[in-house]
Amino acid sequence: MKKLLLLITVILCFLQTAYAENTYDKIYSFTIDGVITDATASFVEANIIKAEKDNVPILMYIDTPGGVLESTRKIVQTLLSAKVPVISYVYPNGARAASAGIFITMAAEFSAMSESSNIGAAHPVLSNGDDIKGDMAEKVLNDTTALIKSIAEKRGKNIDAAVAMVTKSKSYTASEALKLNIIDAVLSHNDLIKTISKKYNIAEDAAVISIEPDFKQEVYNLIANPNFLAAVLFLGIILIMLEIKMPGTFIFAGLGIICLIVFAFGANIIPINFLGVMLILLGFGLFIAEIFITSFGALTVAGLISLIFGLRMLFESEHSSGISVSIWVIVLIVAITLSIALLIGRLIVKDFSRRPSSGPETMLDKEAVVIEWEGSSGRVKIYEEIWNAYSDESLSVDDTVIITQIEGLKLRVKKK
């Protein structure tokens, strides 16, 4: 009996030690709350590597409209091969895991949603919401469908409901997604922590450590921001135009080239529609043409239309979804451009309407003195110069007259 009790005690101690070794004392967390790009994929991969090195579970907070499909695929590959528990959580209330976001949510080992959040609408579309046209549409749809199928199979989720979010743009509330077995739970934040603590042997007092992007990641995220790229492109073009207008300093040209280089870096992160770039350049070209061609504003209007369509199409690609320039950024850029165009136009009108500062035209409406007169013609003196003159009025020597017209070397005058 004593030997049996001793054996049981040894076994219990062993189990207690093994359990303690597998208990996590902290959780790493980070947030995906914007457009998914290569910058997001790089951030997620770096965090998973850190978590694996430290043997710590990962909690991902998700609130995204979608993004680049290739970047999403990289994130899915990272999540499916992670060696530590990864929990996805669509949070806070009212958040969404739309388009590319559903792949990331479902690829996690444990997926949860907060109340009032939603998931779905992953049918591949262009950034402006239009369907992809031609043979490319079927190719992209089949590829995206295969990806969501593989994720659903790997995580034991409802394949038909998952595929419907891609092929039919189905969208579900948190409770609907739970009933359809698209996610594992609908929980408040506190309940989520309790649930995953029990599921993955996480200590009750485990600290949730938030991982923030480092400086390199912050820069990467900034360059991958569609609004920032649109602003940089706009600024670069404006600076190059200023250098053309005021050549010699090379300051504007240098800064403009730097802006365009930054835009080129961004184009390697987010797919760029070069038709959109061409429309933007055409818009600025029309603004410049307005300076040299009198179109009474027609070229300016055409330029504004070209600029607006160019900005809307800038990130329109079959490789991305949910990426576009904010309407407020477009309004701001158009307003600044229009203000500059109006300012230049006002200066041109003012220049044309300004009285000449030299030459015979400066004598118009000026006073002169008659020094000789006979009949309807004679000579007058102005600026210590003597000019031939004529008038419809009867004039006499020493009369003061006003010059009303200049005809070659002859002045038309009238009595003051």
Protein backbone atom coordinates (compact mmCIF):
# COMPACT_ATOMS: atom_id res chain seq x y z
CA MET A 1 0.00 0.00 0.00
CA LYS A 2 2.82 2.37 0.88
CA LYS A 3 4.48 1.68 -2.47
CA LEU A 4 1.18 2.40 -4.28
CA LEU A 5 0.72 5.70 -2.45
CA LEU A 6 4.30 6.66 -3.26
CA LEU A 7 3.77 5.86 -6.93
CA ILE A 8 0.58 7.94 -7.05
CA THR A 9 2.38 10.87 -5.40
CA VAL A 10 5.21 10.70 -7.92
CA ILE A 11 2.76 10.61 -10.83
CA LEU A 12 0.82 13.60 -9.47
CA CYS A 13 4.02 15.59 -9.00
CA PHE A 14 5.07 14.76 -12.54
CA LEU A 15 1.72 15.82 -13.96
CA GLN A 16 1.76 19.04 -11.92
CA THR A 17 5.28 19.83 -13.19
CA ALA A 18 4.31 19.07 -16.79
CA TYR A 19 1.20 21.24 -16.49
CA ALA A 20 3.21 24.10 -15.02
CA GLU A 21 5.72 23.87 -17.87
CA ASN A 22 2.89 24.17 -20.44
CA THR A 23 1.19 27.09 -18.71
CA TYR A 24 1.69 30.45 -20.41
CA ASP A 25 2.26 33.44 -18.14
CA LYS A 26 1.62 36.14 -20.75
CA ILE A 27 -0.09 36.86 -24.07
CA TYR A 28 1.21 38.96 -26.95
CA SER A 29 -1.37 41.09 -28.79
CA PHE A 30 -1.40 43.37 -31.82
CA THR A 31 -4.00 45.07 -34.00
CA ILE A 32 -4.84 44.87 -37.70
CA ASP A 33 -7.10 47.88 -38.16
CA GLY A 34 -6.53 49.19 -41.66
CA VAL A 35 -6.00 48.15 -45.24
CA ILE A 36 -4.04 44.91 -45.53
CA THR A 37 -0.81 45.36 -47.49
CA ASP A 38 2.69 43.90 -47.55
CA ALA A 39 3.42 46.17 -44.58
CA THR A 40 0.71 44.32 -42.62
CA ALA A 41 2.08 40.95 -43.71
CA SER A 42 5.57 41.93 -42.59
CA PHE A 43 4.26 43.10 -39.21
CA VAL A 44 2.27 39.91 -38.61
CA GLU A 45 5.19 37.68 -39.59
CA ALA A 46 7.60 39.55 -37.28
CA ASN A 47 5.16 39.20 -34.37
CA ILE A 48 4.60 35.48 -34.94
CA ILE A 49 8.38 34.89 -35.06
CA LYS A 50 8.78 36.80 -31.78
CA ALA A 51 5.95 34.83 -30.16
CA GLU A 52 7.43 31.50 -31.29
CA LYS A 53 10.84 32.48 -29.96
CA ASP A 54 9.39 33.42 -26.56
CA ASN A 55 6.79 30.59 -26.61
CA VAL A 56 3.87 32.98 -26.04
CA PRO A 57 0.32 32.85 -27.52
CA ILE A 58 -0.79 35.60 -29.90
CA LEU A 59 -4.06 37.57 -29.79
CA MET A 60 -4.89 39.48 -33.01
CA TYR A 61 -7.47 42.26 -32.87
CA ILE A 62 -9.02 42.67 -36.33
CA ASP A 63 -10.99 45.52 -37.88
CA THR A 64 -10.26 45.78 -41.60
CA PRO A 65 -12.09 46.59 -44.86
CA GLY A 66 -9.82 44.26 -46.85
CA GLY A 67 -6.70 44.77 -48.90
CA VAL A 68 -4.16 43.18 -51.20
CA LEU A 69 -4.87 39.50 -51.84
CA GLU A 70 -1.22 38.48 -52.19
CA SER A 71 -0.41 40.12 -48.85
CA THR A 72 -3.37 38.31 -47.29
CA ARG A 73 -2.08 35.00 -48.63
CA LYS A 74 1.29 35.63 -46.95
CA ILE A 75 -0.45 36.28 -43.62
CA VAL A 76 -2.56 33.12 -43.98
CA GLN A 77 0.56 31.03 -44.63
CA THR A 78 2.19 32.49 -41.53
CA LEU A 79 -0.86 31.79 -39.34
CA LEU A 80 -1.41 28.24 -40.57
CA SER A 81 2.21 27.32 -39.86
CA ALA A 82 2.48 29.11 -36.48
CA LYS A 83 3.99 26.99 -33.67
CA VAL A 84 2.13 28.87 -30.91
CA PRO A 85 -1.62 29.36 -30.40
CA VAL A 86 -2.95 32.28 -32.48
CA ILE A 87 -6.33 33.79 -31.59
CA SER A 88 -8.15 36.16 -33.95
CA TYR A 89 -10.72 38.54 -32.47
CA VAL A 90 -12.91 40.88 -34.53
CA TYR A 91 -12.99 43.79 -32.11
CA PRO A 92 -14.33 46.25 -30.89
CA ASN A 93 -18.13 46.15 -31.16
CA GLY A 94 -19.08 47.27 -34.64
CA ALA A 95 -15.77 46.13 -36.13
CA ARG A 96 -15.60 44.15 -39.34
CA ALA A 97 -13.49 41.46 -40.94
CA ALA A 98 -14.46 42.25 -44.52
CA SER A 99 -13.04 40.95 -47.77
CA ALA A 100 -9.43 39.87 -47.16
CA GLY A 101 -10.10 40.09 -43.41
CA ILE A 102 -12.14 36.88 -43.38
CA PHE A 103 -9.14 34.81 -44.50
CA ILE A 104 -7.02 36.14 -41.62
CA THR A 105 -9.81 35.66 -39.07
CA MET A 106 -10.50 32.06 -40.10
CA ALA A 107 -6.81 31.14 -40.49
CA ALA A 108 -6.20 31.62 -36.76
CA GLU A 109 -6.27 28.54 -34.52
CA PHE A 110 -9.13 30.05 -32.52
CA SER A 111 -11.39 32.70 -34.07
CA ALA A 112 -13.80 34.89 -32.13
CA MET A 113 -15.93 37.95 -32.71
CA SER A 114 -17.28 40.66 -30.45
CA GLU A 115 -20.98 41.46 -30.41
CA SER A 116 -22.30 43.72 -33.21
CA SER A 117 -19.31 42.93 -35.42
CA ASN A 118 -19.60 41.35 -38.86
CA ILE A 119 -17.64 39.21 -41.28
CA GLY A 120 -17.85 38.50 -45.01
CA ALA A 121 -18.22 40.11 -48.44
CA ALA A 122 -15.02 38.64 -49.83
CA HIS A 123 -15.96 38.49 -53.50
CA PRO A 124 -12.88 39.85 -55.32
CA VAL A 125 -13.64 43.29 -56.77
CA LEU A 126 -11.75 46.35 -57.88
CA SER A 127 -10.97 49.05 -55.33
CA ASN A 128 -13.90 51.19 -56.50
CA GLY A 129 -16.34 48.32 -55.91
CA ASP A 130 -16.77 47.32 -59.57
CA ASP A 131 -16.53 43.68 -60.64
CA ILE A 132 -13.36 42.46 -62.31
CA LYS A 133 -13.97 42.03 -66.04
CA GLY A 134 -12.92 39.42 -68.60
CA ASP A 135 -10.99 36.19 -68.13
CA MET A 136 -9.14 37.64 -65.14
CA ALA A 137 -12.42 37.65 -63.15
CA GLU A 138 -12.79 33.85 -63.29
CA LYS A 139 -9.10 33.31 -62.56
CA VAL A 140 -9.10 35.53 -59.47
CA LEU A 141 -12.42 34.11 -58.21
CA ASN A 142 -11.25 30.51 -58.52
CA ASP A 143 -7.97 31.28 -56.79
CA THR A 144 -9.71 33.10 -53.93
CA THR A 145 -12.29 30.32 -53.54
CA ALA A 146 -9.55 27.69 -53.33
CA LEU A 147 -7.82 29.71 -50.59
CA ILE A 148 -10.91 30.01 -48.38
CA LYS A 149 -11.66 26.29 -48.91
CA SER A 150 -8.20 25.28 -47.76
CA ILE A 151 -8.48 27.46 -44.65
CA ALA A 152 -11.94 26.09 -43.77
CA GLU A 153 -10.72 22.50 -44.18
CA LYS A 154 -7.62 23.14 -42.06
CA ARG A 155 -9.58 24.77 -39.22
CA GLY A 156 -12.64 22.48 -39.42
CA LYS A 157 -15.06 25.21 -40.42
CA ASN A 158 -18.19 25.24 -42.63
CA ILE A 159 -16.76 25.12 -46.15
CA ASP A 160 -20.01 26.00 -47.95
CA ALA A 161 -20.69 29.05 -45.78
CA ALA A 162 -17.07 30.18 -46.15
CA VAL A 163 -17.15 29.80 -49.93
CA ALA A 164 -20.43 31.72 -50.11
CA MET A 165 -18.67 34.76 -48.65
CA VAL A 166 -16.35 34.69 -51.67
CA THR A 167 -18.61 33.59 -54.53
CA LYS A 168 -21.83 35.32 -53.41
CA SER A 169 -20.43 38.16 -51.28
CA LYS A 170 -22.31 36.84 -48.24
CA SER A 171 -21.89 38.81 -45.04
CA TYR A 172 -22.77 37.57 -41.55
CA THR A 173 -23.27 39.04 -38.11
CA ALA A 174 -21.27 37.57 -35.26
CA SER A 175 -24.14 35.34 -34.11
CA GLU A 176 -24.84 34.14 -37.67
CA ALA A 177 -21.17 33.34 -38.22
CA LEU A 178 -21.14 31.29 -35.00
CA LYS A 179 -24.26 29.31 -35.99
CA LEU A 180 -22.75 28.58 -39.42
CA ASN A 181 -19.48 27.41 -37.83
CA ILE A 182 -17.40 30.11 -39.50
CA ILE A 183 -15.92 31.19 -36.16
CA ASP A 184 -15.46 29.51 -32.77
CA ALA A 185 -17.09 31.98 -30.38
CA VAL A 186 -18.87 35.29 -29.82
CA LEU A 187 -17.49 36.81 -26.64
CA SER A 188 -16.89 40.02 -24.78
CA HIS A 189 -13.23 40.91 -24.26
CA ASN A 190 -13.16 39.69 -20.65
CA ASP A 191 -14.90 36.43 -21.53
CA LEU A 192 -12.49 35.89 -24.40
CA ILE A 193 -9.49 36.13 -22.07
CA LYS A 194 -11.12 33.65 -19.67
CA THR A 195 -11.98 31.24 -22.51
CA ILE A 196 -8.56 31.17 -24.13
CA SER A 197 -6.92 30.95 -20.70
CA LYS A 198 -8.71 27.67 -20.03
CA LYS A 199 -8.26 26.39 -23.57
CA TYR A 200 -4.53 27.04 -23.82
CA ASN A 201 -3.45 26.75 -20.15
CA ILE A 202 -2.80 30.45 -19.78
CA ALA A 203 -2.34 31.67 -16.23
CA GLU A 204 -5.29 33.58 -14.78
CA ASP A 205 -3.09 36.57 -14.01
CA ALA A 206 -1.28 36.46 -17.37
CA ALA A 207 -0.35 39.89 -18.71
CA VAL A 208 -1.61 40.89 -22.16
CA ILE A 209 1.39 42.62 -23.74
CA SER A 210 0.59 44.84 -26.71
CA ILE A 211 3.16 44.77 -29.52
CA GLU A 212 3.40 48.12 -31.26
CA PRO A 213 5.05 48.64 -34.67
CA ASP A 214 8.69 49.76 -34.46
CA PHE A 215 9.98 52.79 -36.36
CA LYS A 216 10.72 50.72 -39.47
CA GLN A 217 7.21 49.26 -39.43
CA GLU A 218 5.68 52.70 -38.85
CA VAL A 219 7.49 54.04 -41.92
CA TYR A 220 6.47 50.96 -43.89
CA ASN A 221 2.83 51.41 -42.85
CA LEU A 222 2.94 55.10 -43.79
CA ILE A 223 4.33 54.39 -47.26
CA ALA A 224 1.67 51.70 -47.71
CA ASN A 225 -1.14 54.15 -46.90
CA PRO A 226 -3.11 54.94 -50.10
CA ASN A 227 -3.99 58.46 -48.88
CA PHE A 228 -0.33 59.21 -48.16
CA LEU A 229 0.74 57.93 -51.59
CA ALA A 230 -1.88 60.07 -53.34
CA ALA A 231 -0.70 63.15 -51.40
CA VAL A 232 2.97 62.39 -52.16
CA LEU A 233 2.27 62.01 -55.88
CA PHE A 234 0.32 65.28 -55.90
CA LEU A 235 3.08 67.10 -53.99
CA GLY A 236 5.79 65.69 -56.25
CA ILE A 237 4.04 66.91 -59.42
CA ILE A 238 3.42 70.36 -57.92
CA LEU A 239 7.10 70.71 -56.89
CA ILE A 240 8.31 69.69 -60.36
CA MET A 241 5.95 72.27 -61.90
CA LEU A 242 7.35 74.95 -59.57
CA GLU A 243 10.88 74.06 -60.65
CA ILE A 244 9.85 74.49 -64.29
CA LYS A 245 8.26 77.84 -63.44
CA MET A 246 11.24 79.01 -61.33
CA PRO A 247 14.30 77.13 -62.66
CA GLY A 248 17.79 77.39 -61.25
CA THR A 249 17.42 76.65 -57.53
CA PHE A 250 16.93 72.84 -57.92
CA ILE A 251 15.28 72.86 -54.46
CA PHE A 252 11.80 72.22 -55.84
CA ALA A 253 13.12 69.64 -58.29
CA GLY A 254 15.02 67.79 -55.55
CA LEU A 255 12.06 67.65 -53.21
CA GLY A 256 9.74 66.68 -56.07
CA ILE A 257 12.01 63.81 -57.11
CA ILE A 258 12.15 62.57 -53.48
CA CYS A 259 8.32 62.56 -53.37
CA LEU A 260 8.12 60.60 -56.62
CA ILE A 261 10.70 58.09 -55.35
CA VAL A 262 8.60 57.57 -52.20
CA PHE A 263 5.57 57.04 -54.42
CA ALA A 264 7.54 54.46 -56.43
CA PHE A 265 8.38 52.58 -53.19
CA GLY A 266 4.69 52.60 -52.29
CA ALA A 267 3.81 51.25 -55.74
CA ASN A 268 5.84 48.14 -54.86
CA ILE A 269 3.75 47.62 -51.72
CA ILE A 270 0.27 48.44 -53.06
CA PRO A 271 -0.68 47.54 -56.65
CA ILE A 272 -0.93 50.79 -58.62
CA ASN A 273 -3.16 51.32 -61.63
CA PHE A 274 -0.95 53.27 -64.02
CA LEU A 275 -4.00 54.41 -66.00
CA GLY A 276 -4.93 56.35 -62.86
CA VAL A 277 -1.43 57.88 -62.78
CA MET A 278 -1.74 58.88 -66.45
CA LEU A 279 -5.10 60.55 -65.81
CA ILE A 280 -3.60 62.53 -62.92
CA LEU A 281 -0.69 63.68 -65.13
CA LEU A 282 -3.17 64.54 -67.89
CA GLY A 283 -5.16 66.65 -65.43
CA PHE A 284 -2.09 68.69 -64.47
CA GLY A 285 -1.15 68.96 -68.15
CA LEU A 286 -4.54 70.50 -68.90
CA PHE A 287 -4.06 72.99 -66.05
CA ILE A 288 -0.74 74.06 -67.58
CA ALA A 289 -2.32 74.30 -71.04
CA GLU A 290 -4.95 76.65 -69.63
CA ILE A 291 -2.17 79.17 -68.92
CA PHE A 292 -1.14 79.34 -72.57
CA ILE A 293 -4.44 78.64 -74.35
CA THR A 294 -7.54 80.79 -73.89
CA SER A 295 -10.31 78.23 -73.30
CA PHE A 296 -12.42 80.29 -70.86
CA GLY A 297 -12.04 77.58 -68.18
CA ALA A 298 -12.85 74.55 -70.34
CA LEU A 299 -9.36 73.07 -69.95
CA THR A 300 -9.48 73.63 -66.19
CA VAL A 301 -12.80 71.77 -65.91
CA ALA A 302 -11.44 68.91 -68.05
CA GLY A 303 -8.33 68.83 -65.88
CA LEU A 304 -10.38 68.59 -62.68
CA ILE A 305 -12.46 65.73 -64.09
CA SER A 306 -9.30 63.89 -65.19
CA LEU A 307 -7.72 64.44 -61.75
CA ILE A 308 -10.77 63.12 -59.87
CA PHE A 309 -11.07 59.97 -62.01
CA GLY A 310 -7.31 59.42 -61.80
CA LEU A 311 -7.33 59.55 -58.00
CA ARG A 312 -10.33 57.20 -57.82
CA MET A 313 -8.63 54.71 -60.17
CA LEU A 314 -5.14 54.99 -58.65
CA PHE A 315 -5.38 51.70 -56.72
CA GLU A 316 -7.97 49.96 -58.90
CA SER A 317 -6.51 46.48 -59.41
CA GLU A 318 -7.67 42.87 -59.59
CA HIS A 319 -5.04 42.08 -56.93
CA SER A 320 -6.62 44.21 -54.22
CA SER A 321 -9.95 44.97 -52.63
CA GLY A 322 -11.00 47.76 -50.30
CA ILE A 323 -8.00 49.94 -51.17
CA SER A 324 -8.83 53.43 -52.38
CA VAL A 325 -8.04 57.07 -51.77
CA SER A 326 -10.32 58.67 -49.19
CA ILE A 327 -12.98 60.92 -50.71
CA TRP A 328 -11.87 63.67 -48.32
CA VAL A 329 -8.27 63.43 -49.56
CA ILE A 330 -9.56 63.70 -53.14
CA VAL A 331 -11.68 66.74 -52.21
CA LEU A 332 -8.65 68.37 -50.52
CA ILE A 333 -6.33 67.73 -53.48
CA VAL A 334 -8.90 68.98 -55.99
CA ALA A 335 -9.60 72.06 -53.85
CA ILE A 336 -5.89 72.92 -53.59
CA THR A 337 -5.38 72.37 -57.32
CA LEU A 338 -8.42 74.49 -58.18
CA SER A 339 -7.21 77.25 -55.84
CA ILE A 340 -3.81 77.27 -57.53
CA ALA A 341 -5.43 77.34 -60.97
CA LEU A 342 -7.70 80.24 -59.96
CA LEU A 343 -4.77 82.12 -58.45
CA ILE A 344 -2.73 81.74 -61.63
CA GLY A 345 -5.75 82.71 -63.72
CA ARG A 346 -6.32 85.81 -61.60
CA LEU A 347 -2.68 86.84 -61.99
CA ILE A 348 -2.91 86.37 -65.75
CA VAL A 349 -6.11 88.45 -65.99
CA LYS A 350 -4.59 91.09 -63.76
CA ASP A 351 -1.48 91.14 -65.91
CA PHE A 352 -3.52 91.61 -69.08
CA SER A 353 -5.68 94.33 -67.54
CA ARG A 354 -2.77 96.24 -66.01
CA ARG A 355 -1.90 99.50 -67.76
CA PRO A 356 1.41 99.48 -69.62
CA SER A 357 4.29 100.96 -67.63
CA SER A 358 6.28 102.02 -70.70
CA GLY A 359 5.74 102.97 -74.35
CA PRO A 360 3.18 105.25 -76.03
CA GLU A 361 0.27 103.44 -74.32
CA THR A 362 1.22 105.14 -71.06
CA MET A 363 -0.12 108.44 -72.50
CA LEU A 364 -3.73 107.24 -72.66
CA ASP A 365 -6.06 109.39 -70.51
CA LYS A 366 -3.16 111.73 -69.70
CA GLU A 367 -3.20 115.50 -70.07
CA ALA A 368 -1.35 117.39 -72.81
CA VAL A 369 -1.03 121.07 -73.81
CA VAL A 370 -1.82 122.40 -77.29
CA ILE A 371 1.17 124.28 -78.74
CA GLU A 372 -0.08 124.60 -82.35
CA TRP A 373 -3.59 124.16 -83.78
CA GLU A 374 -5.34 124.85 -87.04
CA GLY A 375 -8.77 123.51 -87.91
CA SER A 376 -9.07 119.97 -86.63
CA SER A 377 -5.39 119.13 -86.21
CA GLY A 378 -2.20 120.45 -84.71
CA ARG A 379 0.50 119.51 -82.20
CA VAL A 380 0.46 118.88 -78.47
CA LYS A 381 3.13 118.59 -75.79
CA ILE A 382 3.29 115.72 -73.25
CA TYR A 383 6.24 114.40 -71.23
CA GLU A 384 8.35 117.11 -72.86
CA GLU A 385 7.60 115.45 -76.20
CA ILE A 386 5.75 116.99 -79.13
CA TRP A 387 3.15 114.85 -80.92
CA ASN A 388 0.86 115.40 -83.90
CA ALA A 389 -2.76 115.39 -82.82
CA TYR A 390 -6.32 115.76 -84.12
CA SER A 391 -9.73 116.33 -82.56
CA ASP A 392 -13.40 116.66 -83.39
CA GLU A 393 -13.52 119.73 -81.19
CA SER A 394 -12.33 123.27 -81.79
CA LEU A 395 -9.10 123.84 -79.88
CA SER A 396 -6.73 126.77 -79.28
CA VAL A 397 -3.08 127.14 -78.25
CA ASP A 398 -2.47 126.51 -74.50
CA ASP A 399 -5.68 124.48 -74.16
CA THR A 400 -5.39 121.43 -71.95
CA VAL A 401 -6.54 118.23 -73.64
CA ILE A 402 -6.96 114.56 -72.74
CA ILE A 403 -5.40 111.88 -74.96
CA THR A 404 -8.12 109.35 -75.85
CA GLN A 405 -6.50 107.27 -78.58
CA ILE A 406 -3.09 106.54 -80.08
CA GLU A 407 -2.95 105.86 -83.82
CA GLY A 408 0.63 105.18 -84.80
CA LEU A 409 2.44 108.51 -84.37
CA LYS A 410 -0.75 110.55 -84.11
CA LEU A 411 -2.88 111.25 -81.02
CA ARG A 412 -6.60 111.74 -80.78
CA VAL A 413 -7.49 114.27 -78.12
CA LYS A 414 -10.45 116.00 -76.54
CA LYS A 415 -10.70 119.21 -74.58
CA LYS A 416 -10.44 118.82 -70.83
